[in-house]
């Protein structure tokens, strides 16, 4: 299994290197009053990272809203009957 993971990681690194080499051309990036040129591969990686972070943030908000009920809404155990109390003494 460890060898499989090593081979898989090696393949992914090689594919990532090919992706970067093929998308090395600079593209203009304009955001409001700011403008620069960055490699296309870097721009795509940044966009994917931002999307990943937004997804994690949205999932954490959804999960926070669907947490377990608070202790004030939990049911209390039923009171002990008189028979149980008399046999305990």
C-alpha atoms as a PDB file:
ATOM      1  CA  UNK A   1       0.000   0.000   0.000  1.00  0.00           C
ATOM      2  CA  UNK A   2       2.842   2.387   0.843  1.00  0.00           C
ATOM      3  CA  UNK A   3       4.395   1.815  -2.577  1.00  0.00           C
ATOM      4  CA  UNK A   4       1.056   2.617  -4.247  1.00  0.00           C
ATOM      5  CA  UNK A   5       0.844   5.935  -2.391  1.00  0.00           C
ATOM      6  CA  UNK A   6       4.432   6.777  -3.356  1.00  0.00           C
ATOM      7  CA  UNK A   7       3.741   6.048  -7.024  1.00  0.00           C
ATOM      8  CA  UNK A   8       0.505   8.057  -6.921  1.00  0.00           C
ATOM      9  CA  UNK A   9       2.244  11.073  -5.351  1.00  0.00           C
ATOM     10  CA  UNK A  10       5.044  10.859  -7.930  1.00  0.00           C
ATOM     11  CA  UNK A  11       2.525  10.826 -10.780  1.00  0.00           C
ATOM     12  CA  UNK A  12       0.682  13.825  -9.320  1.00  0.00           C
ATOM     13  CA  UNK A  13       3.932  15.797  -8.914  1.00  0.00           C
ATOM     14  CA  UNK A  14       4.919  15.065 -12.521  1.00  0.00           C
ATOM     15  CA  UNK A  15       1.475  16.128 -13.780  1.00  0.00           C
ATOM     16  CA  UNK A  16       1.678  19.294 -11.685  1.00  0.00           C
ATOM     17  CA  UNK A  17       5.115  20.100 -13.143  1.00  0.00           C
ATOM     18  CA  UNK A  18       3.801  19.585 -16.702  1.00  0.00           C
ATOM     19  CA  UNK A  19       0.839  21.858 -15.883  1.00  0.00           C
ATOM     20  CA  UNK A  20       3.143  24.625 -14.643  1.00  0.00           C
ATOM     21  CA  UNK A  21       5.495  24.332 -17.641  1.00  0.00           C
ATOM     22  CA  UNK A  22       2.630  24.451 -20.146  1.00  0.00           C
ATOM     23  CA  UNK A  23       0.969  27.441 -18.459  1.00  0.00           C
ATOM     24  CA  UNK A  24       4.008  29.583 -17.745  1.00  0.00           C
ATOM     25  CA  UNK A  25       2.973  32.533 -19.917  1.00  0.00           C
ATOM     26  CA  UNK A  26       2.224  35.760 -18.080  1.00  0.00           C
ATOM     27  CA  UNK A  27      -1.340  37.027 -18.078  1.00  0.00           C
ATOM     28  CA  UNK A  28      -2.596  40.413 -16.897  1.00  0.00           C
ATOM     29  CA  UNK A  29      -4.441  40.450 -13.594  1.00  0.00           C
ATOM     30  CA  UNK A  30      -6.557  43.505 -12.843  1.00  0.00           C
ATOM     31  CA  UNK A  31      -8.415  43.991  -9.577  1.00  0.00           C
ATOM     32  CA  UNK A  32     -10.052  47.385  -8.940  1.00  0.00           C
ATOM     33  CA  UNK A  33      -7.138  49.888  -9.044  1.00  0.00           C
ATOM     34  CA  UNK A  34      -4.409  47.257  -8.905  1.00  0.00           C
ATOM     35  CA  UNK A  35      -2.869  45.620 -11.964  1.00  0.00           C
ATOM     36  CA  UNK A  36      -0.033  43.138 -12.452  1.00  0.00           C
ATOM     37  CA  UNK A  37       1.093  40.246 -14.608  1.00  0.00           C
ATOM     38  CA  UNK A  38       1.478  36.754 -13.161  1.00  0.00           C
ATOM     39  CA  UNK A  39       1.919  33.286 -14.690  1.00  0.00           C
ATOM     40  CA  UNK A  40      -1.343  31.644 -15.690  1.00  0.00           C
ATOM     41  CA  UNK A  41      -0.562  28.510 -13.650  1.00  0.00           C
ATOM     42  CA  UNK A  42      -0.089  30.592 -10.506  1.00  0.00           C
ATOM     43  CA  UNK A  43      -3.361  32.427 -11.136  1.00  0.00           C
ATOM     44  CA  UNK A  44      -5.231  29.135 -11.554  1.00  0.00           C
ATOM     45  CA  UNK A  45      -3.673  27.679  -8.399  1.00  0.00           C
ATOM     46  CA  UNK A  46      -4.585  30.818  -6.422  1.00  0.00           C
ATOM     47  CA  UNK A  47      -8.171  30.687  -7.683  1.00  0.00           C
ATOM     48  CA  UNK A  48      -8.453  27.010  -6.738  1.00  0.00           C
ATOM     49  CA  UNK A  49      -7.011  27.714  -3.266  1.00  0.00           C
ATOM     50  CA  UNK A  50      -9.458  30.567  -2.679  1.00  0.00           C
ATOM     51  CA  UNK A  51     -12.343  28.358  -3.801  1.00  0.00           C
ATOM     52  CA  UNK A  52     -11.161  25.603  -1.469  1.00  0.00           C
ATOM     53  CA  UNK A  53     -11.005  28.024   1.477  1.00  0.00           C
ATOM     54  CA  UNK A  54     -14.464  29.433   0.698  1.00  0.00           C
ATOM     55  CA  UNK A  55     -15.832  25.883   0.576  1.00  0.00           C
ATOM     56  CA  UNK A  56     -14.304  25.017   3.949  1.00  0.00           C
ATOM     57  CA  UNK A  57     -15.679  28.238   5.439  1.00  0.00           C
ATOM     58  CA  UNK A  58     -19.169  27.598   4.065  1.00  0.00           C
ATOM     59  CA  UNK A  59     -19.121  23.998   5.304  1.00  0.00           C
ATOM     60  CA  UNK A  60     -18.024  25.082   8.782  1.00  0.00           C
ATOM     61  CA  UNK A  61     -20.864  27.626   8.977  1.00  0.00           C
ATOM     62  CA  UNK A  62     -23.401  24.995   7.876  1.00  0.00           C
ATOM     63  CA  UNK A  63     -22.010  22.508  10.370  1.00  0.00           C
ATOM     64  CA  UNK A  64     -22.103  25.076  13.181  1.00  0.00           C
ATOM     65  CA  UNK A  65     -25.796  25.755  12.486  1.00  0.00           C
ATOM     66  CA  UNK A  66     -26.679  22.061  12.639  1.00  0.00           C
ATOM     67  CA  UNK A  67     -24.913  21.152  15.885  1.00  0.00           C
ATOM     68  CA  UNK A  68     -26.398  19.118  18.704  1.00  0.00           C
ATOM     69  CA  UNK A  69     -29.195  20.727  20.725  1.00  0.00           C
ATOM     70  CA  UNK A  70     -28.178  22.604  23.827  1.00  0.00           C
ATOM     71  CA  UNK A  71     -28.466  21.054  27.279  1.00  0.00           C
ATOM     72  CA  UNK A  72     -31.559  23.154  28.087  1.00  0.00           C
ATOM     73  CA  UNK A  73     -33.579  21.288  25.448  1.00  0.00           C
ATOM     74  CA  UNK A  74     -32.491  17.797  26.460  1.00  0.00           C
ATOM     75  CA  UNK A  75     -35.008  15.632  28.230  1.00  0.00           C
ATOM     76  CA  UNK A  76     -34.644  14.960  31.933  1.00  0.00           C
ATOM     77  CA  UNK A  77     -35.002  11.385  33.140  1.00  0.00           C
ATOM     78  CA  UNK A  78     -38.437  10.462  34.520  1.00  0.00           C
ATOM     79  CA  UNK A  79     -38.825  10.747  38.308  1.00  0.00           C
ATOM     80  CA  UNK A  80     -38.331   7.603  40.344  1.00  0.00           C
ATOM     81  CA  UNK A  81     -41.474   5.864  41.422  1.00  0.00           C
ATOM     82  CA  UNK A  82     -42.308   5.327  45.110  1.00  0.00           C
ATOM     83  CA  UNK A  83     -41.751   1.566  44.795  1.00  0.00           C
ATOM     84  CA  UNK A  84     -38.151   2.067  43.707  1.00  0.00           C
ATOM     85  CA  UNK A  85     -37.463   4.457  46.584  1.00  0.00           C
ATOM     86  CA  UNK A  86     -38.998   2.149  49.227  1.00  0.00           C
ATOM     87  CA  UNK A  87     -37.016  -0.889  48.066  1.00  0.00           C
ATOM     88  CA  UNK A  88     -33.789   1.076  48.096  1.00  0.00           C
ATOM     89  CA  UNK A  89     -34.012   1.848  51.823  1.00  0.00           C
END
